Amino acid sequence: MTDASIQKVRVAAAHDGAAELIVTIVYGNGAVSEIALDGHAGALLMENCSATDPEELVGQPWTRVKQALATSYNRYKLDT
């Protein structure tokens, strides 16, 4: 799935009114999916891609989205 990349990005309001990024991913076989990133994951994606505007994310590989989601999720892990 290394040929998957961001095709489109839009800002939307989450159920609580907070801003989130809706990222459209297009895969090498033509399949398309949308992924919602909360504010934290969206900020991580922007930072990891050195983007200052959501439109600058277009063309970035899917792995950047995956990394932002994983990092955002793992912020809740407690060291035991």
PDB file of N, CA and C in Angstrom:
ATOM      1  N   MET A   1       0.812  -1.188   0.000  1.00  0.00           N
ATOM      2  CA  MET A   1       0.000   0.000   0.000  1.00  0.00           C
ATOM      3  C   MET A   1       0.862   1.261   0.000  1.00  0.00           C
ATOM      4  N   THR A   2       2.083   1.151  -0.407  1.00  0.00           N
ATOM      5  CA  THR A   2       2.986   2.298  -0.396  1.00  0.00           C
ATOM      6  C   THR A   2       2.631   3.332  -1.450  1.00  0.00           C
ATOM      7  N   ASP A   3       1.781   2.965  -2.410  1.00  0.00           N
ATOM      8  CA  ASP A   3       1.417   3.921  -3.443  1.00  0.00           C
ATOM      9  C   ASP A   3       0.185   4.732  -3.076  1.00  0.00           C
ATOM     10  N   ALA A   4      -0.335   4.596  -1.872  1.00  0.00           N
ATOM     11  CA  ALA A   4      -1.480   5.376  -1.411  1.00  0.00           C
ATOM     12  C   ALA A   4      -1.001   6.765  -0.996  1.00  0.00           C
ATOM     13  N   SER A   5      -1.800   7.772  -1.338  1.00  0.00           N
ATOM     14  CA  SER A   5      -1.413   9.137  -0.991  1.00  0.00           C
ATOM     15  C   SER A   5      -2.652  10.001  -0.741  1.00  0.00           C
ATOM     16  N   ILE A   6      -2.410  11.159  -0.150  1.00  0.00           N
ATOM     17  CA  ILE A   6      -3.475  12.109   0.144  1.00  0.00           C
ATOM     18  C   ILE A   6      -3.897  12.783  -1.160  1.00  0.00           C
ATOM     19  N   GLN A   7      -5.183  12.704  -1.452  1.00  0.00           N
ATOM     20  CA  GLN A   7      -5.730  13.302  -2.667  1.00  0.00           C
ATOM     21  C   GLN A   7      -6.392  14.645  -2.380  1.00  0.00           C
ATOM     22  N   LYS A   8      -7.022  14.742  -1.190  1.00  0.00           N
ATOM     23  CA  LYS A   8      -7.774  15.952  -0.861  1.00  0.00           C
ATOM     24  C   LYS A   8      -7.829  16.088   0.653  1.00  0.00           C
ATOM     25  N   VAL A   9      -7.912  17.333   1.133  1.00  0.00           N
ATOM     26  CA  VAL A   9      -8.029  17.611   2.562  1.00  0.00           C
ATOM     27  C   VAL A   9      -9.062  18.705   2.757  1.00  0.00           C
ATOM     28  N   ARG A  10      -9.901  18.534   3.764  1.00  0.00           N
ATOM     29  CA  ARG A  10     -10.837  19.601   4.106  1.00  0.00           C
ATOM     30  C   ARG A  10     -10.957  19.689   5.617  1.00  0.00           C
ATOM     31  N   VAL A  11     -11.303  20.859   6.089  1.00  0.00           N
ATOM     32  CA  VAL A  11     -11.505  21.086   7.516  1.00  0.00           C
ATOM     33  C   VAL A  11     -12.998  20.968   7.779  1.00  0.00           C
ATOM     34  N   ALA A  12     -13.357  20.258   8.833  1.00  0.00           N
ATOM     35  CA  ALA A  12     -14.758  20.071   9.205  1.00  0.00           C
ATOM     36  C   ALA A  12     -14.895  20.214  10.711  1.00  0.00           C
ATOM     37  N   ALA A  13     -16.131  20.350  11.153  1.00  0.00           N
ATOM     38  CA  ALA A  13     -16.401  20.417  12.581  1.00  0.00           C
ATOM     39  C   ALA A  13     -16.738  19.024  13.091  1.00  0.00           C
ATOM     40  N   ALA A  14     -16.101  18.629  14.173  1.00  0.00           N
ATOM     41  CA  ALA A  14     -16.404  17.351  14.822  1.00  0.00           C
ATOM     42  C   ALA A  14     -17.719  17.487  15.576  1.00  0.00           C
ATOM     43  N   HIS A  15     -18.188  16.395  16.145  1.00  0.00           N
ATOM     44  CA  HIS A  15     -19.461  16.416  16.865  1.00  0.00           C
ATOM     45  C   HIS A  15     -19.476  17.414  18.018  1.00  0.00           C
ATOM     46  N   ASP A  16     -18.293  17.708  18.568  1.00  0.00           N
ATOM     47  CA  ASP A  16     -18.219  18.666  19.676  1.00  0.00           C
ATOM     48  C   ASP A  16     -17.907  20.085  19.200  1.00  0.00           C
ATOM     49  N   GLY A  17     -17.856  20.272  17.887  1.00  0.00           N
ATOM     50  CA  GLY A  17     -17.602  21.589  17.319  1.00  0.00           C
ATOM     51  C   GLY A  17     -16.135  21.898  17.088  1.00  0.00           C
ATOM     52  N   ALA A  18     -15.245  21.042  17.574  1.00  0.00           N
ATOM     53  CA  ALA A  18     -13.807  21.259  17.363  1.00  0.00           C
ATOM     54  C   ALA A  18     -13.451  20.954  15.909  1.00  0.00           C
ATOM     55  N   ALA A  19     -12.453  21.636  15.413  1.00  0.00           N
ATOM     56  CA  ALA A  19     -12.017  21.414  14.029  1.00  0.00           C
ATOM     57  C   ALA A  19     -11.278  20.089  13.898  1.00  0.00           C
ATOM     58  N   GLU A  20     -11.514  19.416  12.793  1.00  0.00           N
ATOM     59  CA  GLU A  20     -10.778  18.205  12.460  1.00  0.00           C
ATOM     60  C   GLU A  20     -10.481  18.222  10.968  1.00  0.00           C
ATOM     61  N   LEU A  21      -9.495  17.437  10.571  1.00  0.00           N
ATOM     62  CA  LEU A  21      -9.160  17.315   9.156  1.00  0.00           C
ATOM     63  C   LEU A  21      -9.799  16.053   8.599  1.00  0.00           C
ATOM     64  N   ILE A  22     -10.427  16.178   7.453  1.00  0.00           N
ATOM     65  CA  ILE A  22     -10.934  15.021   6.730  1.00  0.00           C
ATOM     66  C   ILE A  22      -9.983  14.831   5.554  1.00  0.00           C
ATOM     67  N   VAL A  23      -9.272  13.719   5.567  1.00  0.00           N
ATOM     68  CA  VAL A  23      -8.238  13.442   4.569  1.00  0.00           C
ATOM     69  C   VAL A  23      -8.763  12.361   3.621  1.00  0.00           C
ATOM     70  N   THR A  24      -8.732  12.630   2.335  1.00  0.00           N
ATOM     71  CA  THR A  24      -9.126  11.651   1.332  1.00  0.00           C
ATOM     72  C   THR A  24      -7.873  10.967   0.822  1.00  0.00           C
ATOM     73  N   ILE A  25      -7.846   9.638   0.943  1.00  0.00           N
ATOM     74  CA  ILE A  25      -6.708   8.830   0.501  1.00  0.00           C
ATOM     75  C   ILE A  25      -7.108   8.124  -0.788  1.00  0.00           C
ATOM     76  N   VAL A  26      -6.215   8.153  -1.771  1.00  0.00           N
ATOM     77  CA  VAL A  26      -6.434   7.395  -3.002  1.00  0.00           C
ATOM     78  C   VAL A  26      -5.337   6.330  -3.071  1.00  0.00           C
ATOM     79  N   TYR A  27      -5.766   5.119  -3.391  1.00  0.00           N
ATOM     80  CA  TYR A  27      -4.861   3.975  -3.445  1.00  0.00           C
ATOM     81  C   TYR A  27      -4.483   3.673  -4.891  1.00  0.00           C
ATOM     82  N   GLY A  28      -3.421   2.924  -5.063  1.00  0.00           N
ATOM     83  CA  GLY A  28      -2.920   2.599  -6.384  1.00  0.00           C
ATOM     84  C   GLY A  28      -3.931   1.901  -7.271  1.00  0.00           C
ATOM     85  N   ASN A  29      -4.874   1.180  -6.663  1.00  0.00           N
ATOM     86  CA  ASN A  29      -5.888   0.474  -7.450  1.00  0.00           C
ATOM     87  C   ASN A  29      -7.105   1.338  -7.747  1.00  0.00           C
ATOM     88  N   GLY A  30      -7.053   2.621  -7.342  1.00  0.00           N
ATOM     89  CA  GLY A  30      -8.148   3.543  -7.599  1.00  0.00           C
ATOM     90  C   GLY A  30      -9.144   3.679  -6.468  1.00  0.00           C
ATOM     91  N   ALA A  31      -9.042   2.836  -5.457  1.00  0.00           N
ATOM     92  CA  ALA A  31      -9.952   2.934  -4.316  1.00  0.00           C
ATOM     93  C   ALA A  31      -9.699   4.232  -3.558  1.00  0.00           C
ATOM     94  N   VAL A  32     -10.768   4.763  -2.964  1.00  0.00           N
ATOM     95  CA  VAL A  32     -10.697   6.028  -2.237  1.00  0.00           C
ATOM     96  C   VAL A  32     -11.341   5.842  -0.870  1.00  0.00           C
ATOM     97  N   SER A  33     -10.733   6.430   0.153  1.00  0.00           N
ATOM     98  CA  SER A  33     -11.339   6.418   1.485  1.00  0.00           C
ATOM     99  C   SER A  33     -11.102   7.752   2.167  1.00  0.00           C
ATOM    100  N   GLU A  34     -11.975   8.073   3.109  1.00  0.00           N
ATOM    101  CA  GLU A  34     -11.828   9.293   3.893  1.00  0.00           C
ATOM    102  C   GLU A  34     -11.511   8.928   5.333  1.00  0.00           C
ATOM    103  N   ILE A  35     -10.614   9.689   5.916  1.00  0.00           N
ATOM    104  CA  ILE A  35     -10.199   9.460   7.294  1.00  0.00           C
ATOM    105  C   ILE A  35     -10.319  10.780   8.048  1.00  0.00           C
ATOM    106  N   ALA A  36     -10.979  10.741   9.195  1.00  0.00           N
ATOM    107  CA  ALA A  36     -11.096  11.933  10.034  1.00  0.00           C
ATOM    108  C   ALA A  36      -9.975  11.938  11.063  1.00  0.00           C
ATOM    109  N   LEU A  37      -9.284  13.052  11.158  1.00  0.00           N
ATOM    110  CA  LEU A  37      -8.223  13.217  12.141  1.00  0.00           C
ATOM    111  C   LEU A  37      -8.643  14.299  13.119  1.00  0.00           C
ATOM    112  N   ASP A  38      -8.628  13.971  14.409  1.00  0.00           N
ATOM    113  CA  ASP A  38      -8.967  14.983  15.412  1.00  0.00           C
ATOM    114  C   ASP A  38      -7.888  16.065  15.420  1.00  0.00           C
ATOM    115  N   GLY A  39      -8.107  17.085  16.220  1.00  0.00           N
ATOM    116  CA  GLY A  39      -7.183  18.216  16.243  1.00  0.00           C
ATOM    117  C   GLY A  39      -5.748  17.829  16.521  1.00  0.00           C
ATOM    118  N   HIS A  40      -5.542  16.910  17.446  1.00  0.00           N
ATOM    119  CA  HIS A  40      -4.185  16.496  17.799  1.00  0.00           C
ATOM    120  C   HIS A  40      -3.525  15.754  16.636  1.00  0.00           C
ATOM    121  N   ALA A  41      -4.214  14.784  16.076  1.00  0.00           N
ATOM    122  CA  ALA A  41      -3.656  14.019  14.951  1.00  0.00           C
ATOM    123  C   ALA A  41      -3.452  14.920  13.736  1.00  0.00           C
ATOM    124  N   GLY A  42      -4.378  15.827  13.503  1.00  0.00           N
ATOM    125  CA  GLY A  42      -4.236  16.762  12.373  1.00  0.00           C
ATOM    126  C   GLY A  42      -3.019  17.651  12.531  1.00  0.00           C
ATOM    127  N   ALA A  43      -2.793  18.140  13.748  1.00  0.00           N
ATOM    128  CA  ALA A  43      -1.614  18.980  14.009  1.00  0.00           C
ATOM    129  C   ALA A  43      -0.328  18.185  13.811  1.00  0.00           C
ATOM    130  N   LEU A  44      -0.323  16.932  14.247  1.00  0.00           N
ATOM    131  CA  LEU A  44       0.857  16.083  14.044  1.00  0.00           C
ATOM    132  C   LEU A  44       1.121  15.863  12.554  1.00  0.00           C
ATOM    133  N   LEU A  45       0.066  15.613  11.787  1.00  0.00           N
ATOM    134  CA  LEU A  45       0.230  15.416  10.349  1.00  0.00           C
ATOM    135  C   LEU A  45       0.798  16.667   9.698  1.00  0.00           C
ATOM    136  N   MET A  46       0.255  17.814  10.037  1.00  0.00           N
ATOM    137  CA  MET A  46       0.758  19.078   9.477  1.00  0.00           C
ATOM    138  C   MET A  46       2.239  19.258   9.823  1.00  0.00           C
ATOM    139  N   GLU A  47       2.592  18.993  11.075  1.00  0.00           N
ATOM    140  CA  GLU A  47       3.981  19.142  11.518  1.00  0.00           C
ATOM    141  C   GLU A  47       4.902  18.154  10.800  1.00  0.00           C
ATOM    142  N   ASN A  48       4.488  16.889  10.718  1.00  0.00           N
ATOM    143  CA  ASN A  48       5.310  15.861  10.073  1.00  0.00           C
ATOM    144  C   ASN A  48       5.533  16.127   8.593  1.00  0.00           C
ATOM    145  N   CYS A  49       4.606  16.847   7.973  1.00  0.00           N
ATOM    146  CA  CYS A  49       4.717  17.157   6.542  1.00  0.00           C
ATOM    147  C   CYS A  49       5.262  18.564   6.307  1.00  0.00           C
ATOM    148  N   SER A  50       5.638  19.254   7.375  1.00  0.00           N
ATOM    149  CA  SER A  50       6.113  20.636   7.291  1.00  0.00           C
ATOM    150  C   SER A  50       5.132  21.508   6.517  1.00  0.00           C
ATOM    151  N   ALA A  51       3.845  21.298   6.774  1.00  0.00           N
ATOM    152  CA  ALA A  51       2.791  22.033   6.083  1.00  0.00           C
ATOM    153  C   ALA A  51       2.287  23.174   6.954  1.00  0.00           C
ATOM    154  N   THR A  52       2.032  24.309   6.334  1.00  0.00           N
ATOM    155  CA  THR A  52       1.442  25.439   7.042  1.00  0.00           C
ATOM    156  C   THR A  52      -0.008  25.649   6.628  1.00  0.00           C
ATOM    157  N   ASP A  53      -0.440  24.938   5.598  1.00  0.00           N
ATOM    158  CA  ASP A  53      -1.808  25.007   5.082  1.00  0.00           C
ATOM    159  C   ASP A  53      -2.256  23.588   4.743  1.00  0.00           C
ATOM    160  N   PRO A  54      -3.486  23.223   5.056  1.00  0.00           N
ATOM    161  CA  PRO A  54      -3.938  21.857   4.760  1.00  0.00           C
ATOM    162  C   PRO A  54      -3.750  21.438   3.300  1.00  0.00           C
ATOM    163  N   GLU A  55      -3.858  22.356   2.377  1.00  0.00           N
ATOM    164  CA  GLU A  55      -3.683  22.018   0.955  1.00  0.00           C
ATOM    165  C   GLU A  55      -2.277  21.501   0.654  1.00  0.00           C
ATOM    166  N   GLU A  56      -1.313  21.852   1.490  1.00  0.00           N
ATOM    167  CA  GLU A  56       0.060  21.386   1.302  1.00  0.00           C
ATOM    168  C   GLU A  56       0.213  19.899   1.610  1.00  0.00           C
ATOM    169  N   LEU A  57      -0.825  19.287   2.173  1.00  0.00           N
ATOM    170  CA  LEU A  57      -0.784  17.858   2.479  1.00  0.00           C
ATOM    171  C   LEU A  57      -1.073  16.999   1.247  1.00  0.00           C
ATOM    172  N   VAL A  58      -1.699  17.582   0.246  1.00  0.00           N
ATOM    173  CA  VAL A  58      -2.033  16.835  -0.973  1.00  0.00           C
ATOM    174  C   VAL A  58      -0.757  16.276  -1.599  1.00  0.00           C
ATOM    175  N   GLY A  59      -0.805  14.984  -1.900  1.00  0.00           N
ATOM    176  CA  GLY A  59       0.346  14.306  -2.497  1.00  0.00           C
ATOM    177  C   GLY A  59       1.231  13.595  -1.491  1.00  0.00           C
ATOM    178  N   GLN A  60       1.039  13.892  -0.197  1.00  0.00           N
ATOM    179  CA  GLN A  60       1.845  13.232   0.833  1.00  0.00           C
ATOM    180  C   GLN A  60       1.439  11.751   0.917  1.00  0.00           C
ATOM    181  N   PRO A  61       2.370  10.875   1.253  1.00  0.00           N
ATOM    182  CA  PRO A  61       2.055   9.445   1.325  1.00  0.00           C
ATOM    183  C   PRO A  61       1.145   9.111   2.506  1.00  0.00           C
ATOM    184  N   TRP A  62       0.372   8.058   2.337  1.00  0.00           N
ATOM    185  CA  TRP A  62      -0.525   7.536   3.358  1.00  0.00           C
ATOM    186  C   TRP A  62       0.208   7.262   4.664  1.00  0.00           C
ATOM    187  N   THR A  63       1.470   6.869   4.584  1.00  0.00           N
ATOM    188  CA  THR A  63       2.221   6.524   5.787  1.00  0.00           C
ATOM    189  C   THR A  63       2.323   7.707   6.746  1.00  0.00           C
ATOM    190  N   ARG A  64       2.280   8.919   6.243  1.00  0.00           N
ATOM    191  CA  ARG A  64       2.309  10.108   7.119  1.00  0.00           C
ATOM    192  C   ARG A  64       1.027  10.199   7.943  1.00  0.00           C
ATOM    193  N   VAL A  65      -0.104   9.874   7.319  1.00  0.00           N
ATOM    194  CA  VAL A  65      -1.383   9.871   8.026  1.00  0.00           C
ATOM    195  C   VAL A  65      -1.364   8.779   9.096  1.00  0.00           C
ATOM    196  N   LYS A  66      -0.919   7.603   8.708  1.00  0.00           N
ATOM    197  CA  LYS A  66      -0.846   6.462   9.626  1.00  0.00           C
ATOM    198  C   LYS A  66       0.029   6.796  10.836  1.00  0.00           C
ATOM    199  N   GLN A  67       1.157   7.437  10.589  1.00  0.00           N
ATOM    200  CA  GLN A  67       2.071   7.809  11.676  1.00  0.00           C
ATOM    201  C   GLN A  67       1.420   8.824  12.619  1.00  0.00           C
ATOM    202  N   ALA A  68       0.732   9.811  12.066  1.00  0.00           N
ATOM    203  CA  ALA A  68       0.074  10.819  12.897  1.00  0.00           C
ATOM    204  C   ALA A  68      -1.021  10.192  13.757  1.00  0.00           C
ATOM    205  N   LEU A  69      -1.800   9.278  13.179  1.00  0.00           N
ATOM    206  CA  LEU A  69      -2.852   8.603  13.930  1.00  0.00           C
ATOM    207  C   LEU A  69      -2.270   7.747  15.056  1.00  0.00           C
ATOM    208  N   ALA A  70      -1.214   7.014  14.763  1.00  0.00           N
ATOM    209  CA  ALA A  70      -0.591   6.153  15.769  1.00  0.00           C
ATOM    210  C   ALA A  70       0.007   6.978  16.908  1.00  0.00           C
ATOM    211  N   THR A  71       0.695   8.044  16.575  1.00  0.00           N
ATOM    212  CA  THR A  71       1.303   8.897  17.597  1.00  0.00           C
ATOM    213  C   THR A  71       0.231   9.545  18.464  1.00  0.00           C
ATOM    214  N   SER A  72      -0.836  10.020  17.834  1.00  0.00           N
ATOM    215  CA  SER A  72      -1.927  10.636  18.574  1.00  0.00           C
ATOM    216  C   SER A  72      -2.577   9.631  19.525  1.00  0.00           C
ATOM    217  N   TYR A  73      -2.843   8.453  19.035  1.00  0.00           N
ATOM    218  CA  TYR A  73      -3.455   7.406  19.858  1.00  0.00           C
ATOM    219  C   TYR A  73      -2.552   7.029  21.036  1.00  0.00           C
ATOM    220  N   ASN A  74      -1.280   6.872  20.776  1.00  0.00           N
ATOM    221  CA  ASN A  74      -0.344   6.408  21.797  1.00  0.00           C
ATOM    222  C   ASN A  74      -0.048   7.442  22.880  1.00  0.00           C
ATOM    223  N   ARG A  75      -0.502   8.662  22.713  1.00  0.00           N
ATOM    224  CA  ARG A  75      -0.269   9.659  23.765  1.00  0.00           C
ATOM    225  C   ARG A  75      -1.023   9.303  25.043  1.00  0.00           C
ATOM    226  N   TYR A  76      -1.991   8.420  24.936  1.00  0.00           N
ATOM    227  CA  TYR A  76      -2.763   7.992  26.103  1.00  0.00           C
ATOM    228  C   TYR A  76      -2.177   6.786  26.818  1.00  0.00           C
ATOM    229  N   LYS A  77      -1.161   6.162  26.218  1.00  0.00           N
ATOM    230  CA  LYS A  77      -0.551   4.990  26.856  1.00  0.00           C
ATOM    231  C   LYS A  77       0.164   5.411  28.120  1.00  0.00           C
ATOM    232  N   LEU A  78      -0.022   4.612  29.134  1.00  0.00           N
ATOM    233  CA  LEU A  78       0.661   4.846  30.391  1.00  0.00           C
ATOM    234  C   LEU A  78       1.819   3.882  30.525  1.00  0.00           C
ATOM    235  N   ASP A  79       2.939   4.379  30.969  1.00  0.00           N
ATOM    236  CA  ASP A  79       4.081   3.500  31.228  1.00  0.00           C
ATOM    237  C   ASP A  79       3.809   2.719  32.501  1.00  0.00           C
ATOM    238  N   THR A  80       3.978   1.409  32.410  1.00  0.00           N
ATOM    239  CA  THR A  80       3.740   0.576  33.592  1.00  0.00           C
ATOM    240  C   THR A  80       4.974  -0.207  33.950  1.00  0.00           C
TER     241      THR A  80
END
